Amino acid sequence: MTTSSEKTFFDLHITGLGYLNRVREVKPKKGDPFLACDIAALNGPSDDVSYVRFDTRVSGSEAQHLVRRCIEAVEAEKKVMIGFRLSDLWADTFTYTKGKRAGEQGVSLKARLLFISWIKVDSTLVYKAEPKSTKADESESQAPAASETPVSQEAPASETSEPVAEPVDKATDAQTPALAESF
């Protein structure tokens, strides 16, 4: 009988959609700097939406790349909506120091932003992650046909992505190439 010394974990993930806000580089006194952002996640019935605010540390490397590319749009106060997956939710208490709530206790929901499935800037889809393929699909797509040149046998990256630009209407057709190039 063999024993396993491998640690196992139970993951708790939060998926949703929301608006990207306050993208910033955090430089703590101790430790390495990191990318952070707020997400105002939509919650409740579509005719009476409420928002749940998450203060996130951007952890996934692809997510970091995508959030950095959204900085200009967020700073220009455009509506940047994302599909997201968060992990490691925890609550942090603090005391308000300014405004009409000065001196009162507050709670901030903190999490790690792991994955962004899509991005819309002012209702225009500018990015959509490629769907994960099954193992059968991967083996078929990587097996070269007799007349084709061999395909590289690199392991496919999980949750790979590619930019997408789909105009909402004809008025946005003119700006689509420039928008696609920025993402």
Protein backbone atom coordinates (compact mmCIF):
# COMPACT_ATOMS: atom_id res chain seq x y z
CA MET A 1 0.00 0.00 0.00
CA THR A 2 1.36 3.41 -0.98
CA THR A 3 0.71 6.65 0.80
CA SER A 4 0.41 9.95 -0.95
CA SER A 5 2.06 13.02 0.52
CA GLU A 6 0.46 15.27 -2.11
CA LYS A 7 -1.68 18.07 -0.71
CA THR A 8 -5.23 18.34 -1.96
CA PHE A 9 -7.41 21.42 -1.93
CA PHE A 10 -11.09 22.24 -2.15
CA ASP A 11 -11.68 25.10 -4.55
CA LEU A 12 -14.46 27.63 -4.13
CA HIS A 13 -14.90 29.68 -7.30
CA ILE A 14 -17.23 32.58 -8.02
CA THR A 15 -18.29 33.18 -11.61
CA GLY A 16 -20.23 36.13 -12.89
CA LEU A 17 -20.19 39.28 -14.91
CA GLY A 18 -19.53 42.81 -13.84
CA TYR A 19 -17.91 46.15 -14.51
CA LEU A 20 -14.15 46.60 -14.20
CA ASN A 21 -13.08 49.60 -12.06
CA ARG A 22 -10.05 51.03 -10.22
CA VAL A 23 -7.27 49.14 -12.00
CA ARG A 24 -4.06 49.84 -10.11
CA GLU A 25 -0.59 48.56 -9.25
CA VAL A 26 -0.32 47.94 -5.49
CA LYS A 27 3.14 48.31 -3.94
CA PRO A 28 3.08 46.93 -0.39
CA LYS A 29 5.78 47.88 2.13
CA LYS A 30 6.71 44.19 2.38
CA GLY A 31 6.41 41.82 -0.54
CA ASP A 32 6.19 42.15 -4.29
CA PRO A 33 3.96 44.65 -6.15
CA PHE A 34 0.80 43.24 -7.73
CA LEU A 35 -2.02 44.25 -10.06
CA ALA A 36 -5.41 44.88 -8.46
CA CYS A 37 -8.85 45.97 -9.63
CA ASP A 38 -12.42 46.30 -8.42
CA ILE A 39 -15.29 44.43 -10.01
CA ALA A 40 -18.88 45.62 -9.58
CA ALA A 41 -20.61 42.26 -10.16
CA LEU A 42 -24.23 42.17 -11.28
CA ASN A 43 -26.58 40.32 -8.93
CA GLY A 44 -30.31 39.69 -8.73
CA PRO A 45 -33.15 39.89 -11.26
CA SER A 46 -32.36 41.60 -14.56
CA ASP A 47 -35.13 44.18 -14.05
CA ASP A 48 -33.82 45.16 -10.57
CA VAL A 49 -30.05 44.61 -10.64
CA SER A 50 -27.92 45.14 -7.57
CA TYR A 51 -24.12 45.21 -7.46
CA VAL A 52 -21.67 43.34 -5.27
CA ARG A 53 -18.23 44.94 -5.17
CA PHE A 54 -15.15 42.73 -5.11
CA ASP A 55 -11.66 44.12 -4.49
CA THR A 56 -9.48 41.66 -6.40
CA ARG A 57 -5.85 40.78 -6.79
CA VAL A 58 -5.31 39.78 -10.42
CA SER A 59 -3.62 36.37 -10.20
CA GLY A 60 -3.95 34.56 -13.52
CA SER A 61 -1.20 35.52 -15.99
CA GLU A 62 -3.67 35.80 -18.89
CA ALA A 63 -6.02 37.80 -16.64
CA GLN A 64 -3.16 40.19 -15.77
CA HIS A 65 -2.43 40.72 -19.45
CA LEU A 66 -6.10 41.39 -20.25
CA VAL A 67 -6.66 43.75 -17.30
CA ARG A 68 -3.56 45.77 -18.24
CA ARG A 69 -4.98 46.17 -21.74
CA CYS A 70 -8.21 47.56 -20.24
CA ILE A 71 -6.52 50.31 -18.19
CA GLU A 72 -6.97 53.03 -20.83
CA ALA A 73 -10.67 52.23 -21.33
CA VAL A 74 -11.31 52.23 -17.56
CA GLU A 75 -9.45 55.53 -17.10
CA ALA A 76 -11.46 57.02 -20.02
CA GLU A 77 -14.58 56.05 -18.00
CA LYS A 78 -15.83 53.68 -20.69
CA LYS A 79 -18.06 50.83 -19.55
CA VAL A 80 -15.78 47.80 -19.41
CA MET A 81 -17.80 44.67 -18.64
CA ILE A 82 -16.14 41.29 -18.11
CA GLY A 83 -17.09 37.67 -17.55
CA PHE A 84 -14.91 36.48 -14.67
CA ARG A 85 -13.93 33.71 -12.27
CA LEU A 86 -12.79 34.57 -8.74
CA SER A 87 -11.27 32.41 -6.02
CA ASP A 88 -10.29 32.58 -2.34
CA LEU A 89 -13.04 34.95 -1.18
CA TRP A 90 -12.51 36.61 2.20
CA ALA A 91 -13.90 39.62 4.05
CA ASP A 92 -11.76 42.47 5.34
CA THR A 93 -13.08 44.97 7.87
CA PHE A 94 -11.98 48.59 7.88
CA THR A 95 -12.95 51.96 9.34
CA TYR A 96 -14.07 54.80 7.08
CA THR A 97 -11.77 57.84 7.52
CA LYS A 98 -13.54 60.36 5.23
CA GLY A 99 -17.01 61.44 4.25
CA LYS A 100 -20.34 61.14 6.03
CA ARG A 101 -19.50 57.58 7.19
CA ALA A 102 -16.20 58.59 8.85
CA GLY A 103 -15.58 56.48 11.95
CA GLU A 104 -18.01 53.70 10.91
CA GLN A 105 -16.96 50.11 10.28
CA GLY A 106 -17.07 48.77 6.72
CA VAL A 107 -16.55 45.40 5.06
CA SER A 108 -14.68 44.77 1.81
CA LEU A 109 -15.01 41.50 -0.11
CA LYS A 110 -11.59 40.46 -1.38
CA ALA A 111 -10.74 37.70 -3.86
CA ARG A 112 -8.26 36.61 -6.52
CA LEU A 113 -9.20 37.21 -10.17
CA LEU A 114 -8.19 34.00 -11.95
CA PHE A 115 -9.81 34.10 -15.37
CA ILE A 116 -11.58 36.48 -17.77
CA SER A 117 -13.88 34.74 -20.25
CA TRP A 118 -14.87 37.83 -22.28
CA ILE A 119 -14.59 41.63 -22.36
CA LYS A 120 -16.98 44.23 -23.72
CA VAL A 121 -16.06 47.91 -24.00
CA ASP A 122 -19.12 50.14 -24.40
CA SER A 123 -21.24 47.11 -25.46
CA THR A 124 -18.74 45.99 -28.14
CA LEU A 125 -17.23 42.54 -27.67
CA VAL A 126 -13.45 43.00 -27.89
CA TYR A 127 -12.24 39.68 -26.43
CA LYS A 128 -13.58 36.17 -25.99
CA ALA A 129 -11.60 33.23 -24.62
CA GLU A 130 -11.44 30.14 -26.78
CA PRO A 131 -13.47 27.28 -25.36
CA LYS A 132 -11.54 24.40 -23.87
CA SER A 133 -11.28 21.47 -26.21
CA THR A 134 -11.76 17.86 -25.18
CA LYS A 135 -8.89 15.37 -25.35
CA ALA A 136 -10.47 13.69 -28.38
CA ASP A 137 -10.65 17.02 -30.21
CA GLU A 138 -7.01 17.78 -29.34
CA SER A 139 -5.72 14.45 -30.65
CA GLU A 140 -7.69 14.85 -33.90
CA SER A 141 -6.53 18.43 -34.44
CA GLN A 142 -2.88 17.62 -33.68
CA ALA A 143 -2.68 14.48 -35.85
CA PRO A 144 -1.27 15.58 -39.23
CA ALA A 145 -2.94 14.37 -42.41
CA ALA A 146 -0.76 12.47 -44.90
CA SER A 147 -0.31 15.51 -47.18
CA GLU A 148 0.10 18.09 -44.39
CA THR A 149 3.26 19.16 -42.66
CA PRO A 150 3.55 17.94 -39.06
CA VAL A 151 1.93 20.06 -36.38
CA SER A 152 4.01 21.20 -33.43
CA GLN A 153 3.45 18.88 -30.47
CA GLU A 154 3.49 21.61 -27.84
CA ALA A 155 1.07 21.07 -25.00
CA PRO A 156 -1.93 23.35 -25.47
CA ALA A 157 -2.21 26.03 -22.81
CA SER A 158 -5.31 25.76 -20.68
CA GLU A 159 -7.91 28.47 -21.21
CA THR A 160 -6.11 30.01 -24.18
CA SER A 161 -7.64 33.04 -25.76
CA GLU A 162 -7.80 35.12 -28.85
CA PRO A 163 -9.17 38.60 -29.49
CA VAL A 164 -12.56 39.00 -31.07
CA ALA A 165 -14.14 42.15 -32.43
CA GLU A 166 -17.82 41.92 -33.24
CA PRO A 167 -19.48 45.24 -34.07
CA VAL A 168 -22.79 45.95 -32.38
CA ASP A 169 -24.13 47.90 -35.35
CA LYS A 170 -22.99 49.47 -38.65
CA ALA A 171 -21.91 52.65 -36.88
CA THR A 172 -19.20 50.75 -35.04
CA ASP A 173 -17.94 48.96 -38.19
CA ALA A 174 -15.55 51.83 -38.91
CA GLN A 175 -13.89 51.59 -35.49
CA THR A 176 -13.71 47.78 -35.38
CA PRO A 177 -10.22 47.40 -36.95
CA ALA A 178 -8.69 49.91 -34.54
CA LEU A 179 -10.51 48.31 -31.61
CA ALA A 180 -9.41 44.82 -32.62
CA GLU A 181 -5.79 45.96 -32.86
CA SER A 182 -5.86 47.36 -29.32
CA PHE A 183 -6.93 43.98 -27.99
